[in-house]
Amino acid sequence: MHFTHLTTPPDDVSRSFFNCIASDMVHSLEFDIIDDEIKEALFPIPDDKAPGPVSYASLFLIEVRTLLVRTSLL
């Protein structure tokens, strides 16, 4: 109950994101991600750095990508 004042009820949250992405951009977000795009985004990042706020190191993400490629999931 302590954080109740910091959260928004689900109905209000969905209205907050209504039309945030331009309709002409939505189509480009529906394309499959190709392996070359992953390589281009991850490989230049130092192994001990995180590419974003998720705090997974780049090396971890590269290893996950390699595992997915080996198991034909990517």
PDB file of N, CA and C in Angstrom:
ATOM      1  N   MET A   1       0.815  -1.197   0.000  1.00  0.00           N
ATOM      2  CA  MET A   1       0.000   0.000   0.000  1.00  0.00           C
ATOM      3  C   MET A   1       0.863   1.267   0.000  1.00  0.00           C
ATOM      4  N   HIS A   2       2.099   1.145   0.413  1.00  0.00           N
ATOM      5  CA  HIS A   2       2.964   2.309   0.491  1.00  0.00           C
ATOM      6  C   HIS A   2       3.153   2.978  -0.868  1.00  0.00           C
ATOM      7  N   PHE A   3       3.256   2.191  -1.954  1.00  0.00           N
ATOM      8  CA  PHE A   3       3.530   2.743  -3.273  1.00  0.00           C
ATOM      9  C   PHE A   3       2.262   3.007  -4.089  1.00  0.00           C
ATOM     10  N   THR A   4       1.107   2.859  -3.486  1.00  0.00           N
ATOM     11  CA  THR A   4      -0.147   3.038  -4.209  1.00  0.00           C
ATOM     12  C   THR A   4      -0.225   4.398  -4.883  1.00  0.00           C
ATOM     13  N   HIS A   5       0.252   5.422  -4.245  1.00  0.00           N
ATOM     14  CA  HIS A   5       0.167   6.767  -4.821  1.00  0.00           C
ATOM     15  C   HIS A   5       1.120   6.960  -5.998  1.00  0.00           C
ATOM     16  N   LEU A   6       2.071   6.028  -6.198  1.00  0.00           N
ATOM     17  CA  LEU A   6       3.032   6.142  -7.293  1.00  0.00           C
ATOM     18  C   LEU A   6       2.591   5.406  -8.564  1.00  0.00           C
ATOM     19  N   THR A   7       1.587   4.568  -8.440  1.00  0.00           N
ATOM     20  CA  THR A   7       1.161   3.778  -9.589  1.00  0.00           C
ATOM     21  C   THR A   7      -0.116   4.337 -10.192  1.00  0.00           C
ATOM     22  N   THR A   8      -0.350   3.952 -11.422  1.00  0.00           N
ATOM     23  CA  THR A   8      -1.547   4.393 -12.127  1.00  0.00           C
ATOM     24  C   THR A   8      -2.412   3.172 -12.399  1.00  0.00           C
ATOM     25  N   PRO A   9      -3.705   3.281 -12.204  1.00  0.00           N
ATOM     26  CA  PRO A   9      -4.581   2.137 -12.514  1.00  0.00           C
ATOM     27  C   PRO A   9      -4.449   1.754 -13.989  1.00  0.00           C
ATOM     28  N   PRO A  10      -4.656   0.492 -14.336  1.00  0.00           N
ATOM     29  CA  PRO A  10      -4.486   0.033 -15.716  1.00  0.00           C
ATOM     30  C   PRO A  10      -5.223   0.854 -16.766  1.00  0.00           C
ATOM     31  N   ASP A  11      -6.439   1.284 -16.488  1.00  0.00           N
ATOM     32  CA  ASP A  11      -7.180   2.065 -17.479  1.00  0.00           C
ATOM     33  C   ASP A  11      -6.456   3.364 -17.807  1.00  0.00           C
ATOM     34  N   ASP A  12      -5.898   4.012 -16.803  1.00  0.00           N
ATOM     35  CA  ASP A  12      -5.184   5.259 -17.032  1.00  0.00           C
ATOM     36  C   ASP A  12      -3.874   5.023 -17.775  1.00  0.00           C
ATOM     37  N   VAL A  13      -3.236   3.879 -17.531  1.00  0.00           N
ATOM     38  CA  VAL A  13      -1.978   3.567 -18.195  1.00  0.00           C
ATOM     39  C   VAL A  13      -2.220   3.389 -19.687  1.00  0.00           C
ATOM     40  N   SER A  14      -3.239   2.652 -20.065  1.00  0.00           N
ATOM     41  CA  SER A  14      -3.492   2.418 -21.486  1.00  0.00           C
ATOM     42  C   SER A  14      -3.798   3.727 -22.203  1.00  0.00           C
ATOM     43  N   ARG A  15      -4.456   4.653 -21.547  1.00  0.00           N
ATOM     44  CA  ARG A  15      -4.716   5.952 -22.170  1.00  0.00           C
ATOM     45  C   ARG A  15      -3.441   6.764 -22.314  1.00  0.00           C
ATOM     46  N   SER A  16      -2.474   6.556 -21.443  1.00  0.00           N
ATOM     47  CA  SER A  16      -1.212   7.279 -21.514  1.00  0.00           C
ATOM     48  C   SER A  16      -0.428   6.917 -22.761  1.00  0.00           C
ATOM     49  N   PHE A  17      -0.580   5.676 -23.241  1.00  0.00           N
ATOM     50  CA  PHE A  17       0.173   5.211 -24.395  1.00  0.00           C
ATOM     51  C   PHE A  17      -0.626   5.249 -25.694  1.00  0.00           C
ATOM     52  N   PHE A  18      -1.822   5.726 -25.642  1.00  0.00           N
ATOM     53  CA  PHE A  18      -2.675   5.774 -26.817  1.00  0.00           C
ATOM     54  C   PHE A  18      -2.068   6.698 -27.872  1.00  0.00           C
ATOM     55  N   ASN A  19      -1.854   6.155 -29.059  1.00  0.00           N
ATOM     56  CA  ASN A  19      -1.314   6.916 -30.196  1.00  0.00           C
ATOM     57  C   ASN A  19       0.074   7.497 -29.944  1.00  0.00           C
ATOM     58  N   CYS A  20       0.911   6.826 -29.177  1.00  0.00           N
ATOM     59  CA  CYS A  20       2.270   7.302 -28.966  1.00  0.00           C
ATOM     60  C   CYS A  20       3.164   7.025 -30.177  1.00  0.00           C
ATOM     61  N   ILE A  21       2.863   5.992 -30.921  1.00  0.00           N
ATOM     62  CA  ILE A  21       3.654   5.649 -32.096  1.00  0.00           C
ATOM     63  C   ILE A  21       2.854   6.059 -33.322  1.00  0.00           C
ATOM     64  N   ALA A  22       3.498   6.815 -34.193  1.00  0.00           N
ATOM     65  CA  ALA A  22       2.828   7.260 -35.409  1.00  0.00           C
ATOM     66  C   ALA A  22       2.432   6.040 -36.237  1.00  0.00           C
ATOM     67  N   SER A  23       1.268   6.102 -36.851  1.00  0.00           N
ATOM     68  CA  SER A  23       0.754   4.946 -37.586  1.00  0.00           C
ATOM     69  C   SER A  23       1.672   4.522 -38.718  1.00  0.00           C
ATOM     70  N   ASP A  24       2.403   5.445 -39.332  1.00  0.00           N
ATOM     71  CA  ASP A  24       3.323   5.070 -40.412  1.00  0.00           C
ATOM     72  C   ASP A  24       4.563   4.345 -39.885  1.00  0.00           C
ATOM     73  N   MET A  25       4.814   4.438 -38.582  1.00  0.00           N
ATOM     74  CA  MET A  25       5.959   3.761 -37.984  1.00  0.00           C
ATOM     75  C   MET A  25       5.601   2.355 -37.508  1.00  0.00           C
ATOM     76  N   VAL A  26       4.343   2.094 -37.260  1.00  0.00           N
ATOM     77  CA  VAL A  26       3.916   0.804 -36.719  1.00  0.00           C
ATOM     78  C   VAL A  26       4.327  -0.331 -37.650  1.00  0.00           C
ATOM     79  N   HIS A  27       4.165  -0.148 -38.948  1.00  0.00           N
ATOM     80  CA  HIS A  27       4.497  -1.201 -39.901  1.00  0.00           C
ATOM     81  C   HIS A  27       5.970  -1.593 -39.802  1.00  0.00           C
ATOM     82  N   SER A  28       6.852  -0.630 -39.630  1.00  0.00           N
ATOM     83  CA  SER A  28       8.277  -0.946 -39.549  1.00  0.00           C
ATOM     84  C   SER A  28       8.631  -1.690 -38.260  1.00  0.00           C
ATOM     85  N   LEU A  29       7.792  -1.616 -37.253  1.00  0.00           N
ATOM     86  CA  LEU A  29       8.044  -2.324 -35.999  1.00  0.00           C
ATOM     87  C   LEU A  29       7.606  -3.781 -36.059  1.00  0.00           C
ATOM     88  N   GLU A  30       6.873  -4.134 -37.108  1.00  0.00           N
ATOM     89  CA  GLU A  30       6.351  -5.490 -37.231  1.00  0.00           C
ATOM     90  C   GLU A  30       7.256  -6.417 -38.040  1.00  0.00           C
ATOM     91  N   PHE A  31       8.359  -5.918 -38.565  1.00  0.00           N
ATOM     92  CA  PHE A  31       9.294  -6.748 -39.320  1.00  0.00           C
ATOM     93  C   PHE A  31      10.044  -7.685 -38.391  1.00  0.00           C
ATOM     94  N   ASP A  32      10.450  -8.820 -38.940  1.00  0.00           N
ATOM     95  CA  ASP A  32      11.285  -9.744 -38.171  1.00  0.00           C
ATOM     96  C   ASP A  32      12.658  -9.115 -37.952  1.00  0.00           C
ATOM     97  N   ILE A  33      13.247  -9.414 -36.817  1.00  0.00           N
ATOM     98  CA  ILE A  33      14.599  -8.950 -36.520  1.00  0.00           C
ATOM     99  C   ILE A  33      15.552  -9.950 -37.143  1.00  0.00           C
ATOM    100  N   ILE A  34      16.506  -9.465 -37.910  1.00  0.00           N
ATOM    101  CA  ILE A  34      17.456 -10.377 -38.543  1.00  0.00           C
ATOM    102  C   ILE A  34      18.760 -10.390 -37.750  1.00  0.00           C
ATOM    103  N   ASP A  35      19.474 -11.497 -37.893  1.00  0.00           N
ATOM    104  CA  ASP A  35      20.702 -11.701 -37.132  1.00  0.00           C
ATOM    105  C   ASP A  35      21.720 -10.584 -37.360  1.00  0.00           C
ATOM    106  N   ASP A  36      21.806 -10.084 -38.591  1.00  0.00           N
ATOM    107  CA  ASP A  36      22.762  -9.009 -38.885  1.00  0.00           C
ATOM    108  C   ASP A  36      22.470  -7.752 -38.067  1.00  0.00           C
ATOM    109  N   GLU A  37      21.192  -7.486 -37.818  1.00  0.00           N
ATOM    110  CA  GLU A  37      20.833  -6.323 -37.002  1.00  0.00           C
ATOM    111  C   GLU A  37      21.288  -6.507 -35.557  1.00  0.00           C
ATOM    112  N   ILE A  38      21.164  -7.714 -35.061  1.00  0.00           N
ATOM    113  CA  ILE A  38      21.603  -8.004 -33.694  1.00  0.00           C
ATOM    114  C   ILE A  38      23.113  -7.832 -33.588  1.00  0.00           C
ATOM    115  N   LYS A  39      23.833  -8.386 -34.557  1.00  0.00           N
ATOM    116  CA  LYS A  39      25.290  -8.247 -34.566  1.00  0.00           C
ATOM    117  C   LYS A  39      25.694  -6.775 -34.620  1.00  0.00           C
ATOM    118  N   GLU A  40      25.060  -6.034 -35.496  1.00  0.00           N
ATOM    119  CA  GLU A  40      25.390  -4.614 -35.667  1.00  0.00           C
ATOM    120  C   GLU A  40      25.147  -3.822 -34.381  1.00  0.00           C
ATOM    121  N   ALA A  41      24.129  -4.211 -33.633  1.00  0.00           N
ATOM    122  CA  ALA A  41      23.794  -3.493 -32.399  1.00  0.00           C
ATOM    123  C   ALA A  41      24.657  -3.926 -31.215  1.00  0.00           C
ATOM    124  N   LEU A  42      24.972  -5.212 -31.105  1.00  0.00           N
ATOM    125  CA  LEU A  42      25.648  -5.721 -29.910  1.00  0.00           C
ATOM    126  C   LEU A  42      27.165  -5.808 -30.002  1.00  0.00           C
ATOM    127  N   PHE A  43      27.694  -6.212 -31.132  1.00  0.00           N
ATOM    128  CA  PHE A  43      29.113  -6.508 -31.214  1.00  0.00           C
ATOM    129  C   PHE A  43      30.030  -5.316 -30.933  1.00  0.00           C
ATOM    130  N   PRO A  44      29.660  -4.085 -31.294  1.00  0.00           N
ATOM    131  CA  PRO A  44      30.565  -2.966 -30.999  1.00  0.00           C
ATOM    132  C   PRO A  44      30.627  -2.582 -29.504  1.00  0.00           C
ATOM    133  N   ILE A  45      29.681  -3.076 -28.722  1.00  0.00           N
ATOM    134  CA  ILE A  45      29.615  -2.714 -27.303  1.00  0.00           C
ATOM    135  C   ILE A  45      30.633  -3.549 -26.525  1.00  0.00           C
ATOM    136  N   PRO A  46      31.442  -2.924 -25.675  1.00  0.00           N
ATOM    137  CA  PRO A  46      32.400  -3.691 -24.858  1.00  0.00           C
ATOM    138  C   PRO A  46      31.688  -4.778 -24.045  1.00  0.00           C
ATOM    139  N   ASP A  47      32.353  -5.918 -23.864  1.00  0.00           N
ATOM    140  CA  ASP A  47      31.746  -7.076 -23.202  1.00  0.00           C
ATOM    141  C   ASP A  47      31.205  -6.786 -21.812  1.00  0.00           C
ATOM    142  N   ASP A  48      31.803  -5.870 -21.098  1.00  0.00           N
ATOM    143  CA  ASP A  48      31.389  -5.607 -19.721  1.00  0.00           C
ATOM    144  C   ASP A  48      30.429  -4.420 -19.601  1.00  0.00           C
ATOM    145  N   LYS A  49      29.903  -3.937 -20.715  1.00  0.00           N
ATOM    146  CA  LYS A  49      28.972  -2.811 -20.702  1.00  0.00           C
ATOM    147  C   LYS A  49      27.573  -3.284 -21.072  1.00  0.00           C
ATOM    148  N   ALA A  50      26.578  -2.628 -20.526  1.00  0.00           N
ATOM    149  CA  ALA A  50      25.186  -2.957 -20.838  1.00  0.00           C
ATOM    150  C   ALA A  50      24.676  -2.020 -21.924  1.00  0.00           C
ATOM    151  N   PRO A  51      23.980  -2.572 -22.930  1.00  0.00           N
ATOM    152  CA  PRO A  51      23.488  -1.730 -24.009  1.00  0.00           C
ATOM    153  C   PRO A  51      22.258  -0.906 -23.635  1.00  0.00           C
ATOM    154  N   GLY A  52      21.728  -1.108 -22.460  1.00  0.00           N
ATOM    155  CA  GLY A  52      20.541  -0.360 -22.044  1.00  0.00           C
ATOM    156  C   GLY A  52      20.317  -0.514 -20.558  1.00  0.00           C
ATOM    157  N   PRO A  53      19.184  -0.046 -20.093  1.00  0.00           N
ATOM    158  CA  PRO A  53      18.910  -0.045 -18.648  1.00  0.00           C
ATOM    159  C   PRO A  53      18.631  -1.418 -18.054  1.00  0.00           C
ATOM    160  N   VAL A  54      18.567  -2.474 -18.869  1.00  0.00           N
ATOM    161  CA  VAL A  54      18.280  -3.801 -18.324  1.00  0.00           C
ATOM    162  C   VAL A  54      19.463  -4.364 -17.547  1.00  0.00           C
ATOM    163  N   SER A  55      20.621  -3.799 -17.716  1.00  0.00           N
ATOM    164  CA  SER A  55      21.859  -4.119 -17.014  1.00  0.00           C
ATOM    165  C   SER A  55      22.427  -5.510 -17.307  1.00  0.00           C
ATOM    166  N   TYR A  56      22.020  -6.134 -18.411  1.00  0.00           N
ATOM    167  CA  TYR A  56      22.677  -7.350 -18.869  1.00  0.00           C
ATOM    168  C   TYR A  56      23.897  -6.931 -19.672  1.00  0.00           C
ATOM    169  N   ALA A  57      25.045  -7.475 -19.346  1.00  0.00           N
ATOM    170  CA  ALA A  57      26.268  -7.126 -20.057  1.00  0.00           C
ATOM    171  C   ALA A  57      26.171  -7.590 -21.505  1.00  0.00           C
ATOM    172  N   SER A  58      26.837  -6.866 -22.371  1.00  0.00           N
ATOM    173  CA  SER A  58      26.828  -7.169 -23.795  1.00  0.00           C
ATOM    174  C   SER A  58      27.268  -8.602 -24.064  1.00  0.00           C
ATOM    175  N   LEU A  59      28.283  -9.074 -23.361  1.00  0.00           N
ATOM    176  CA  LEU A  59      28.771 -10.436 -23.559  1.00  0.00           C
ATOM    177  C   LEU A  59      27.666 -11.458 -23.305  1.00  0.00           C
ATOM    178  N   PHE A  60      26.874 -11.253 -22.268  1.00  0.00           N
ATOM    179  CA  PHE A  60      25.753 -12.156 -21.974  1.00  0.00           C
ATOM    180  C   PHE A  60      24.772 -12.191 -23.142  1.00  0.00           C
ATOM    181  N   LEU A  61      24.419 -11.021 -23.668  1.00  0.00           N
ATOM    182  CA  LEU A  61      23.464 -10.953 -24.769  1.00  0.00           C
ATOM    183  C   LEU A  61      24.026 -11.588 -26.035  1.00  0.00           C
ATOM    184  N   ILE A  62      25.312 -11.427 -26.274  1.00  0.00           N
ATOM    185  CA  ILE A  62      25.954 -12.056 -27.437  1.00  0.00           C
ATOM    186  C   ILE A  62      25.932 -13.577 -27.284  1.00  0.00           C
ATOM    187  N   GLU A  63      26.188 -14.060 -26.075  1.00  0.00           N
ATOM    188  CA  GLU A  63      26.158 -15.509 -25.842  1.00  0.00           C
ATOM    189  C   GLU A  63      24.749 -16.069 -26.018  1.00  0.00           C
ATOM    190  N   VAL A  64      23.744 -15.341 -25.575  1.00  0.00           N
ATOM    191  CA  VAL A  64      22.353 -15.772 -25.765  1.00  0.00           C
ATOM    192  C   VAL A  64      22.040 -15.832 -27.254  1.00  0.00           C
ATOM    193  N   ARG A  65      22.474 -14.815 -28.001  1.00  0.00           N
ATOM    194  CA  ARG A  65      22.275 -14.796 -29.452  1.00  0.00           C
ATOM    195  C   ARG A  65      22.934 -16.013 -30.098  1.00  0.00           C
ATOM    196  N   THR A  66      24.156 -16.322 -29.671  1.00  0.00           N
ATOM    197  CA  THR A  66      24.876 -17.475 -30.223  1.00  0.00           C
ATOM    198  C   THR A  66      24.126 -18.761 -29.928  1.00  0.00           C
ATOM    199  N   LEU A  67      23.619 -18.910 -28.724  1.00  0.00           N
ATOM    200  CA  LEU A  67      22.834 -20.092 -28.367  1.00  0.00           C
ATOM    201  C   LEU A  67      21.579 -20.199 -29.225  1.00  0.00           C
ATOM    202  N   LEU A  68      20.894 -19.099 -29.444  1.00  0.00           N
ATOM    203  CA  LEU A  68      19.687 -19.108 -30.266  1.00  0.00           C
ATOM    204  C   LEU A  68      20.004 -19.485 -31.704  1.00  0.00           C
ATOM    205  N   VAL A  69      21.113 -18.996 -32.225  1.00  0.00           N
ATOM    206  CA  VAL A  69      21.514 -19.342 -33.581  1.00  0.00           C
ATOM    207  C   VAL A  69      21.821 -20.833 -33.673  1.00  0.00           C
ATOM    208  N   ARG A  70      22.541 -21.367 -32.698  1.00  0.00           N
ATOM    209  CA  ARG A  70      22.891 -22.793 -32.706  1.00  0.00           C
ATOM    210  C   ARG A  70      21.670 -23.696 -32.613  1.00  0.00           C
ATOM    211  N   THR A  71      20.642 -23.238 -31.924  1.00  0.00           N
ATOM    212  CA  THR A  71      19.437 -24.044 -31.775  1.00  0.00           C
ATOM    213  C   THR A  71      18.387 -23.686 -32.814  1.00  0.00           C
ATOM    214  N   SER A  72      18.785 -22.865 -33.771  1.00  0.00           N
ATOM    215  CA  SER A  72      17.923 -22.463 -34.895  1.00  0.00           C
ATOM    216  C   SER A  72      16.666 -21.706 -34.459  1.00  0.00           C
ATOM    217  N   LEU A  73      16.744 -21.044 -33.332  1.00  0.00           N
ATOM    218  CA  LEU A  73      15.611 -20.236 -32.899  1.00  0.00           C
ATOM    219  C   LEU A  73      15.705 -18.808 -33.412  1.00  0.00           C
ATOM    220  N   LEU A  74      16.833 -18.463 -34.010  1.00  0.00           N
ATOM    221  CA  LEU A  74      17.003 -17.106 -34.529  1.00  0.00           C
ATOM    222  C   LEU A  74      17.456 -17.198 -35.971  1.00  0.00           C
TER     223      LEU A  74
END
